[in-house]
Protein backbone atom coordinates (compact mmCIF):
# COMPACT_ATOMS: atom_id res chain seq x y z
CA MET A 1 -4.75 -54.01 8.36
CA LYS A 2 -6.53 -53.59 5.14
CA LYS A 3 -8.45 -50.92 7.10
CA LEU A 4 -5.43 -49.06 8.54
CA VAL A 5 -3.64 -49.06 5.39
CA SER A 6 -6.67 -47.42 3.31
CA LEU A 7 -6.97 -44.82 6.21
CA LEU A 8 -3.34 -44.10 5.77
CA LEU A 9 -3.82 -43.49 2.05
CA VAL A 10 -6.76 -41.34 2.54
CA LEU A 11 -4.96 -39.22 4.90
CA THR A 12 -2.19 -38.78 2.35
CA MET A 13 -4.65 -37.97 -0.13
CA ILE A 14 -6.11 -35.35 1.92
CA LEU A 15 -2.95 -33.74 2.88
CA THR A 16 -1.51 -33.75 -0.61
CA LEU A 17 -5.00 -31.79 -1.85
CA PHE A 18 -4.04 -29.05 0.67
CA GLY A 19 -0.42 -29.07 -0.77
CA CYS A 20 1.52 -30.51 1.77
CA THR A 21 2.36 -34.25 2.75
CA LYS A 22 3.09 -34.87 6.59
CA SER A 23 6.93 -35.59 5.62
CA GLU A 24 6.88 -31.42 4.53
CA ILE A 25 5.07 -30.38 7.44
CA LYS A 26 8.06 -29.05 9.80
CA THR A 27 8.28 -27.75 13.18
CA LEU A 28 9.51 -24.11 13.99
CA GLU A 29 12.99 -25.47 14.99
CA GLN A 30 13.32 -27.61 11.48
CA TYR A 31 13.51 -24.73 9.56
CA ASN A 32 17.38 -23.66 8.98
CA ASN A 33 17.41 -21.04 5.97
CA SER A 34 20.51 -18.92 5.81
CA ASN A 35 20.32 -15.44 3.26
CA PRO A 36 23.50 -13.98 1.70
CA LYS A 37 24.47 -11.29 3.93
CA GLU A 38 25.71 -8.86 1.26
CA MET A 39 23.33 -6.69 0.11
CA SER A 40 22.90 -5.36 -3.00
CA MET A 41 21.10 -2.15 -4.51
CA LEU A 42 18.42 -3.78 -6.32
CA THR A 43 16.97 -2.32 -9.73
CA VAL A 44 14.88 -3.32 -12.56
CA LYS A 45 16.11 -4.63 -15.77
CA ASP A 46 13.66 -5.80 -18.37
CA GLY A 47 10.96 -6.63 -16.42
CA TYR A 48 12.73 -8.51 -13.43
CA ILE A 49 14.52 -7.32 -10.09
CA VAL A 50 17.98 -7.67 -10.22
CA ASN A 51 20.93 -7.13 -8.07
CA GLU A 52 24.44 -5.35 -8.82
CA ASN A 53 25.74 -8.51 -10.31
CA GLY A 54 22.78 -8.36 -12.97
CA GLU A 55 21.50 -11.61 -11.20
CA SER A 56 17.58 -12.29 -11.16
CA ILE A 57 16.22 -11.66 -7.38
CA ILE A 58 12.69 -13.33 -6.43
CA LEU A 59 11.55 -11.53 -3.15
CA LYS A 60 9.63 -14.09 -1.06
CA GLY A 61 8.78 -11.79 1.92
CA VAL A 62 6.08 -11.43 4.65
CA ASN A 63 4.40 -8.59 5.49
CA LEU A 64 4.95 -6.97 9.34
CA GLY A 65 1.43 -6.11 9.42
CA ASN A 66 -0.24 -4.75 12.77
CA TRP A 67 3.15 -3.71 14.19
CA LEU A 68 3.54 0.54 13.19
CA LEU A 69 0.07 0.69 12.29
CA TRP A 70 -2.60 -1.26 14.38
CA GLU A 71 -5.43 -3.13 12.68
CA THR A 72 -8.14 -3.91 14.73
CA TRP A 73 -9.52 -7.14 13.01
CA MET A 74 -6.63 -8.86 13.67
CA GLY A 75 -5.35 -6.76 16.76
CA PHE A 76 -6.54 -7.34 20.69
CA VAL A 77 -8.58 -4.01 21.11
CA PRO A 78 -12.17 -4.49 20.69
CA GLU A 79 -14.08 -3.56 17.40
CA TYR A 80 -16.12 -1.03 19.09
CA THR A 81 -17.92 -0.09 15.64
CA GLU A 82 -17.36 -1.57 11.96
CA ASP A 83 -14.62 0.70 11.25
CA TRP A 84 -12.93 1.20 14.29
CA ALA A 85 -8.92 1.87 13.11
CA TYR A 86 -5.88 2.67 15.04
CA TYR A 87 -6.89 6.34 14.77
CA ASP A 88 -9.79 5.64 17.25
CA THR A 89 -7.99 3.37 19.41
CA LEU A 90 -5.64 6.21 20.07
CA GLU A 91 -8.19 8.77 20.61
CA VAL A 92 -9.56 6.74 23.49
CA LEU A 93 -5.99 6.21 25.10
CA LEU A 94 -5.18 9.83 24.59
CA ASP A 95 -8.39 10.73 26.18
CA ARG A 96 -8.15 8.63 29.28
CA PHE A 97 -4.29 8.77 29.89
CA GLY A 98 -2.66 11.63 28.11
CA GLU A 99 0.18 11.52 25.54
CA GLU A 100 2.86 10.35 27.70
CA LYS A 101 1.22 7.07 29.04
CA THR A 102 0.02 6.61 25.25
CA ALA A 103 3.33 6.75 23.89
CA GLU A 104 4.38 4.44 26.69
CA PHE A 105 1.69 1.88 25.43
CA VAL A 106 2.76 2.09 21.88
CA LYS A 107 6.43 1.93 22.49
CA LEU A 108 6.10 -1.15 24.78
CA PHE A 109 4.16 -2.99 22.18
CA GLU A 110 6.31 -2.01 19.18
CA ASP A 111 9.51 -2.95 20.90
CA ASN A 112 8.11 -6.26 21.73
CA PHE A 113 5.98 -7.21 18.87
CA ILE A 114 8.99 -7.37 16.24
CA THR A 115 12.14 -7.62 17.77
CA GLU A 116 16.07 -9.06 16.50
CA LYS A 117 14.81 -12.71 17.38
CA ASP A 118 11.63 -12.07 14.89
CA ILE A 119 13.91 -10.92 11.92
CA ALA A 120 16.38 -13.72 12.43
CA GLN A 121 13.50 -16.18 12.48
CA ILE A 122 12.04 -15.07 9.10
CA GLU A 123 15.44 -15.73 7.64
CA LYS A 124 15.39 -19.06 9.06
CA LEU A 125 12.20 -19.81 7.76
CA GLY A 126 13.08 -19.07 3.95
CA PHE A 127 12.11 -15.25 3.60
CA ASN A 128 14.39 -12.81 2.18
CA CYS A 129 12.19 -9.73 2.30
CA VAL A 130 9.80 -7.74 4.74
CA ARG A 131 7.53 -5.44 3.68
CA VAL A 132 6.72 -2.97 6.65
CA PRO A 133 3.59 -0.94 6.97
CA PHE A 134 3.77 2.44 8.59
CA TRP A 135 1.56 5.59 8.54
CA TYR A 136 1.93 9.43 8.97
CA ARG A 137 1.27 9.24 12.63
CA ASN A 138 4.58 7.23 13.03
CA PHE A 139 6.44 10.38 12.23
CA MET A 140 4.15 13.29 12.90
CA THR A 141 0.69 14.59 14.65
CA GLU A 142 -2.54 14.77 13.34
CA ASP A 143 -2.17 18.28 12.59
CA LEU A 144 0.88 17.02 10.44
CA GLU A 145 3.53 18.69 12.34
CA TRP A 146 6.93 16.40 12.66
CA PHE A 147 7.48 15.13 16.12
CA THR A 148 11.01 16.90 16.35
CA GLU A 149 12.74 18.99 14.13
CA ASN A 150 15.75 16.42 13.66
CA HIS A 151 14.71 13.56 11.92
CA ASN A 152 17.73 11.59 13.85
CA ASP A 153 15.02 12.33 17.11
CA ASN A 154 11.93 11.25 15.47
CA LYS A 155 10.66 7.97 16.86
CA GLY A 156 9.19 6.88 13.50
CA PHE A 157 12.89 7.08 11.58
CA GLN A 158 14.25 5.34 14.89
CA LYS A 159 12.18 2.19 14.39
CA LEU A 160 12.39 2.36 10.63
CA ASP A 161 16.60 2.83 11.08
CA TRP A 162 16.38 -0.09 13.77
CA LEU A 163 14.41 -2.34 11.38
CA ILE A 164 16.54 -1.81 8.15
CA GLU A 165 19.98 -2.43 10.38
CA THR A 166 18.73 -5.36 11.70
CA CYS A 167 17.31 -6.53 8.43
CA GLU A 168 20.58 -6.11 7.34
CA LYS A 169 22.45 -8.53 9.37
CA TYR A 170 19.83 -11.30 8.07
CA GLY A 171 20.23 -10.75 4.61
CA VAL A 172 16.30 -9.56 4.50
CA TYR A 173 15.39 -6.74 2.39
CA VAL A 174 13.20 -4.07 3.16
CA MET A 175 10.22 -2.74 1.39
CA LEU A 176 8.85 0.78 2.68
CA ASP A 177 5.13 0.68 2.90
CA LEU A 178 2.99 3.98 3.19
CA HIS A 179 0.26 2.28 4.28
CA GLY A 180 -1.86 5.44 5.81
CA ALA A 181 -0.99 8.75 3.93
CA PRO A 182 -2.00 11.99 5.54
CA GLY A 183 -5.75 12.23 4.66
CA GLY A 184 -6.13 8.57 3.75
CA GLN A 185 -5.47 7.50 0.29
CA SER A 186 -8.73 5.37 0.58
CA LYS A 187 -11.77 5.07 3.04
CA ASN A 188 -10.75 1.79 4.05
CA HIS A 189 -9.83 1.43 7.86
CA CYS A 190 -6.29 -0.07 7.33
CA THR A 191 -5.37 3.52 6.15
CA GLY A 192 -5.57 3.96 9.96
CA LYS A 193 -8.67 6.22 9.89
CA ALA A 194 -11.80 5.06 8.21
CA GLY A 195 -13.88 6.83 5.81
CA ARG A 196 -11.59 9.81 4.70
CA ASN A 197 -10.04 9.26 1.27
CA GLU A 198 -9.07 13.25 1.24
CA LEU A 199 -5.24 12.88 0.00
CA TYR A 200 -6.65 13.25 -3.49
CA GLU A 201 -8.35 16.76 -3.00
CA ASN A 202 -6.43 18.26 -0.21
CA GLU A 203 -3.50 20.01 -0.82
CA ASP A 204 -1.96 20.00 2.58
CA MET A 205 -2.66 16.44 3.09
CA MET A 206 -0.68 15.91 -0.48
CA ASN A 207 1.83 18.25 0.29
CA ALA A 208 2.62 16.45 4.12
CA THR A 209 2.58 13.15 2.10
CA VAL A 210 5.44 14.61 -0.12
CA GLU A 211 7.19 15.83 2.54
CA LEU A 212 7.20 12.20 4.26
CA TRP A 213 8.43 10.31 1.49
CA CYS A 214 11.12 12.70 0.40
CA ALA A 215 12.44 12.67 4.08
CA ILE A 216 12.61 8.89 3.88
CA ALA A 217 14.12 8.93 0.21
CA GLN A 218 16.66 11.45 1.64
CA ARG A 219 17.49 9.09 4.62
CA TYR A 220 17.59 5.97 2.69
CA LYS A 221 18.70 6.92 -0.56
CA ASP A 222 22.12 4.82 -0.53
CA ASN A 223 20.66 2.43 1.63
CA LYS A 224 20.94 -1.26 -0.36
CA THR A 225 18.78 -3.00 2.39
CA VAL A 226 15.97 -1.06 1.36
CA CYS A 227 14.47 -2.78 -1.79
CA ALA A 228 11.70 -0.96 -2.58
CA TYR A 229 9.29 2.39 -1.80
CA ASP A 230 5.71 1.46 -1.96
CA LEU A 231 4.04 4.66 -2.12
CA LEU A 232 0.53 4.25 -1.53
CA ASN A 233 -1.04 1.06 0.17
CA GLU A 234 -4.36 0.06 -1.96
CA PRO A 235 -5.47 3.43 -3.16
CA GLN A 236 -9.11 4.04 -3.68
CA ASN A 237 -10.04 0.74 -1.67
CA ASN A 238 -13.31 2.27 -1.31
CA GLY A 239 -15.73 -0.53 -1.48
CA GLY A 240 -18.74 -0.45 0.89
CA TYR A 241 -18.39 3.20 1.69
CA GLU A 242 -20.32 6.08 0.73
CA GLY A 243 -20.46 10.12 0.95
CA ASP A 244 -17.50 12.42 -0.48
CA TYR A 245 -14.59 11.10 -2.37
CA ASN A 246 -16.05 7.69 -2.68
CA TRP A 247 -14.99 6.96 -6.30
CA ALA A 248 -14.84 3.06 -7.31
CA ALA A 249 -11.84 1.77 -7.41
CA GLU A 250 -11.52 1.26 -11.20
CA SER A 251 -13.39 4.38 -12.46
CA GLU A 252 -12.07 7.31 -14.47
CA ASP A 253 -12.45 9.47 -11.36
CA ALA A 254 -10.49 7.24 -9.03
CA VAL A 255 -7.68 6.23 -11.52
CA SER A 256 -6.95 9.56 -12.76
CA ARG A 257 -6.90 11.23 -9.29
CA THR A 258 -4.30 8.31 -8.28
CA ASN A 259 -2.16 8.06 -11.08
CA LYS A 260 -1.92 12.17 -10.64
CA ALA A 261 -0.88 11.19 -6.88
CA TYR A 262 1.70 8.76 -8.03
CA ASP A 263 3.25 11.21 -10.46
CA THR A 264 3.56 13.96 -7.88
CA LEU A 265 5.16 11.46 -5.59
CA TYR A 266 7.41 9.85 -8.04
CA LYS A 267 8.79 13.00 -9.62
CA ALA A 268 9.03 14.38 -5.75
CA ILE A 269 11.03 11.17 -5.04
CA ARG A 270 13.12 11.25 -7.75
CA GLU A 271 14.61 14.60 -7.46
CA ILE A 272 16.30 12.85 -4.31
CA ASP A 273 16.57 9.21 -5.15
CA ARG A 274 17.18 8.02 -8.51
CA ASN A 275 18.43 4.37 -7.10
CA HIS A 276 15.46 2.86 -5.49
CA ILE A 277 12.56 0.64 -7.13
CA ILE A 278 9.60 2.78 -6.93
CA SER A 279 6.32 0.62 -6.52
CA PHE A 280 3.02 1.61 -7.79
CA GLU A 281 -0.23 -0.55 -6.81
CA GLY A 282 -3.11 -1.09 -8.56
CA VAL A 283 -6.71 -1.92 -6.99
CA TRP A 284 -7.40 -4.28 -7.93
CA SER A 285 -5.87 -4.50 -11.42
CA THR A 286 -2.73 -3.90 -13.26
CA THR A 287 -4.52 -2.11 -16.06
CA VAL A 288 -5.62 0.88 -13.97
CA LEU A 289 -1.78 2.10 -13.83
CA PRO A 290 0.16 4.17 -16.39
CA ASN A 291 2.22 2.87 -18.78
CA PRO A 292 5.58 4.02 -17.35
CA ASN A 293 7.30 4.31 -20.90
CA GLU A 294 4.90 6.97 -21.82
CA VAL A 295 5.66 9.18 -18.69
CA GLY A 296 9.36 8.38 -18.24
CA TYR A 297 9.07 6.34 -15.24
CA GLU A 298 12.11 4.30 -14.48
CA ASN A 299 13.28 1.42 -12.08
CA MET A 300 9.30 0.49 -11.64
CA LEU A 301 7.69 -2.26 -9.75
CA TYR A 302 3.70 -2.77 -10.10
CA GLN A 303 2.00 -4.41 -7.51
CA LEU A 304 -1.10 -6.48 -6.98
CA HIS A 305 -2.81 -7.73 -3.96
CA LEU A 306 -4.30 -11.33 -4.30
CA TYR A 307 -6.78 -12.12 -1.97
CA ASP A 308 -8.90 -14.24 -4.46
CA SER A 309 -9.92 -17.62 -3.22
CA GLU A 310 -11.12 -18.84 -7.03
CA LYS A 311 -8.67 -20.64 -9.39
CA GLY A 312 -9.92 -18.55 -12.43
CA MET A 313 -9.20 -15.44 -10.67
CA ILE A 314 -5.97 -16.16 -9.30
CA ARG A 315 -4.83 -17.22 -12.99
CA TYR A 316 -6.28 -13.89 -14.41
CA ARG A 317 -4.64 -11.61 -12.03
CA VAL A 318 -1.10 -13.50 -12.49
CA ASP A 319 -1.52 -13.26 -16.07
CA GLU A 320 -2.08 -9.53 -15.55
CA LEU A 321 0.91 -9.02 -13.96
CA LYS A 322 3.04 -11.37 -16.60
CA THR A 323 1.42 -8.95 -19.26
CA ALA A 324 2.51 -5.60 -17.17
CA ARG A 325 5.95 -7.12 -17.27
CA LYS A 326 6.01 -8.14 -20.97
CA ASP A 327 4.44 -5.34 -22.46
CA TRP A 328 5.69 -2.48 -19.84
CA GLY A 329 9.14 -3.66 -18.76
CA VAL A 330 7.89 -3.55 -15.02
CA ALA A 331 8.83 -5.90 -12.44
CA VAL A 332 5.66 -7.23 -10.71
CA VAL A 333 4.90 -8.39 -6.94
CA VAL A 334 2.28 -9.74 -5.12
CA GLY A 335 2.79 -7.30 -1.96
CA GLU A 336 -0.04 -8.90 -0.15
CA TYR A 337 -2.06 -12.37 -0.59
CA ASN A 338 -3.92 -14.89 1.12
CA ASN A 339 -5.74 -17.21 -1.12
CA HIS A 340 -7.22 -19.57 1.53
CA GLU A 341 -7.91 -23.00 0.27
CA PHE A 342 -6.25 -22.16 -3.01
CA GLU A 343 -3.18 -20.69 -1.39
CA GLU A 344 -1.02 -24.02 -2.65
CA TYR A 345 -2.41 -23.39 -6.01
CA ALA A 346 -1.52 -19.69 -6.22
CA GLN A 347 1.89 -20.30 -4.49
CA LYS A 348 2.74 -22.80 -7.54
CA LYS A 349 1.55 -20.11 -9.88
CA TYR A 350 3.67 -17.29 -8.60
CA GLU A 351 6.66 -19.93 -8.46
CA LYS A 352 6.08 -20.93 -11.97
CA ASN A 353 6.00 -17.42 -13.19
CA ASP A 354 8.85 -15.90 -11.34
CA ILE A 355 6.83 -13.59 -9.43
CA SER A 356 7.88 -12.18 -6.17
CA ARG A 357 5.02 -12.23 -3.49
CA ILE A 358 4.99 -11.16 0.11
CA LYS A 359 2.35 -13.06 2.27
CA TRP A 360 0.12 -11.40 4.72
CA THR A 361 1.08 -11.37 7.53
CA TYR A 362 3.60 -12.61 10.26
CA LYS A 363 1.77 -12.11 13.31
CA THR A 364 -2.03 -11.73 13.81
CA TYR A 365 -4.23 -11.68 16.80
CA ASN A 366 -7.94 -13.20 16.87
CA ALA A 367 -7.93 -13.78 12.95
CA GLY A 368 -8.25 -17.64 12.58
CA ASN A 369 -5.23 -19.35 11.54
CA SER A 370 -4.71 -18.92 7.98
CA TRP A 371 -4.02 -14.98 8.20
CA GLY A 372 -0.48 -15.25 10.25
CA ILE A 373 2.74 -17.23 10.15
CA PHE A 374 2.12 -17.12 13.63
CA ASN A 375 -1.56 -16.52 15.48
CA LYS A 376 -2.66 -15.94 19.07
CA ASN A 377 -6.40 -15.92 20.14
CA VAL A 378 -6.49 -13.26 23.23
CA GLU A 379 -9.68 -11.93 25.21
CA ARG A 380 -9.49 -8.43 23.79
CA ILE A 381 -8.82 -5.81 26.46
CA ASN A 382 -11.48 -3.24 26.92
CA ILE A 383 -9.38 0.03 26.57
CA LYS A 384 -12.33 2.13 27.34
CA THR A 385 -12.24 0.66 30.85
CA ALA A 386 -9.40 -1.24 31.74
CA SER A 387 -6.90 0.52 33.96
CA TYR A 388 -3.23 1.74 32.87
CA GLU A 389 -1.65 -0.86 34.80
CA GLU A 390 -4.02 -3.57 33.26
CA ILE A 391 -3.12 -2.52 29.63
CA LEU A 392 0.43 -2.23 30.45
CA THR A 393 0.31 -5.69 31.66
CA PHE A 394 -1.71 -7.05 28.69
CA ILE A 395 0.95 -5.82 26.21
CA LYS A 396 3.68 -7.21 28.38
CA GLU A 397 2.29 -10.62 28.04
CA ASN A 398 0.65 -10.92 24.87
CA THR A 399 3.13 -9.32 22.22
CA LYS A 400 6.28 -11.86 22.39
CA THR A 401 6.51 -14.19 19.19
CA GLU A 402 6.98 -17.24 21.53
CA THR A 403 3.37 -16.69 23.17
CA PHE A 404 1.84 -17.17 19.53
CA ASN A 405 1.24 -20.34 17.65
CA PHE A 406 3.27 -21.28 14.69
CA ASN A 407 1.37 -22.13 11.61
CA ALA A 408 3.15 -25.38 10.21
CA GLU A 409 0.90 -26.18 7.65
CA GLU A 410 0.76 -22.72 6.11
CA MET A 411 4.53 -22.11 6.12
CA ALA A 412 4.48 -25.84 4.36
CA ILE A 413 2.39 -24.35 1.62
CA LEU A 414 4.81 -21.27 1.52
CA ARG A 415 7.76 -23.24 1.61
């Protein structure tokens, strides 16, 4: 009996160490959060996000990664090369099957990977925000031509419209995240195509990015479900790459180019939309971002992505966010995070300091159990040899959330 008691005590200590006791770990069916259903135009006041009544709002969200922009490392396509990205996958499909069938694959995936059931589930899990990564190819061709002259018929806008309308039903705010700008805002594969970072030196690419954000702002300028425009995901995330435009993230060359791009985009959007919060991301520090008071920026949200798995660095980055909020009056958010074995520690730091945060990510394939709220291991399908029917069947059978494993331990930490 003593041995059994001792064993139970040890197990309790282990569970507590990882941030959750057995009683805190819930099944998916046990979550029953309900968000307020009246959306409010969110703004920034004295460093905090507030609603129209002046009440502080902490965004506790999850990213919809791998939905509108596939990231191979957590996807179902083999990583044929180290930097195989969505662009490469599309090129293979287009070459083998043509535009019509490739569009059919993409539509089938997008229509099934995130559905209304997922948004309802996100609310029940206790989240009040989703951040949706997208890229220019959702709206235009590689030649930067809009798919249609009428944006109402553009499949990219149709998909965002659907998401925003659905999220409104469940009291979930939407942060619009340009994960892949024309030409790429970094060399990282998460922009949709690795090894470019041409946005800052190519006028055509910058003009197309301005045009895209202006179209978004025009469409959603009065929409209260949209909480913020996240202008560029992880700009200058160039680590591990070589060649032209390979500026180190916090170097003078990188910082000056990034902030010039932000300035161009900010001013273009503010000509159309003075309502919505605008988010600038610092890679990997808030100190690379401009003091908004010196350049006349208003209603600002400064953002970091925290993938640190060491307590000292987590504390350091949280302190940076607090300093930006105090000194510059910006609201702050951890727009992506996964702190692995220190997830519970990081979560407590975010909570204690009233820092909004958005978990990376909602669903993954083949990425281990710590990356997604829902995870699934599949045998990746070789799109270079699989038939049209095989790819179609694979997508039909492997996209529904009910076929993924719920990460109850992770959710217990996120609370």
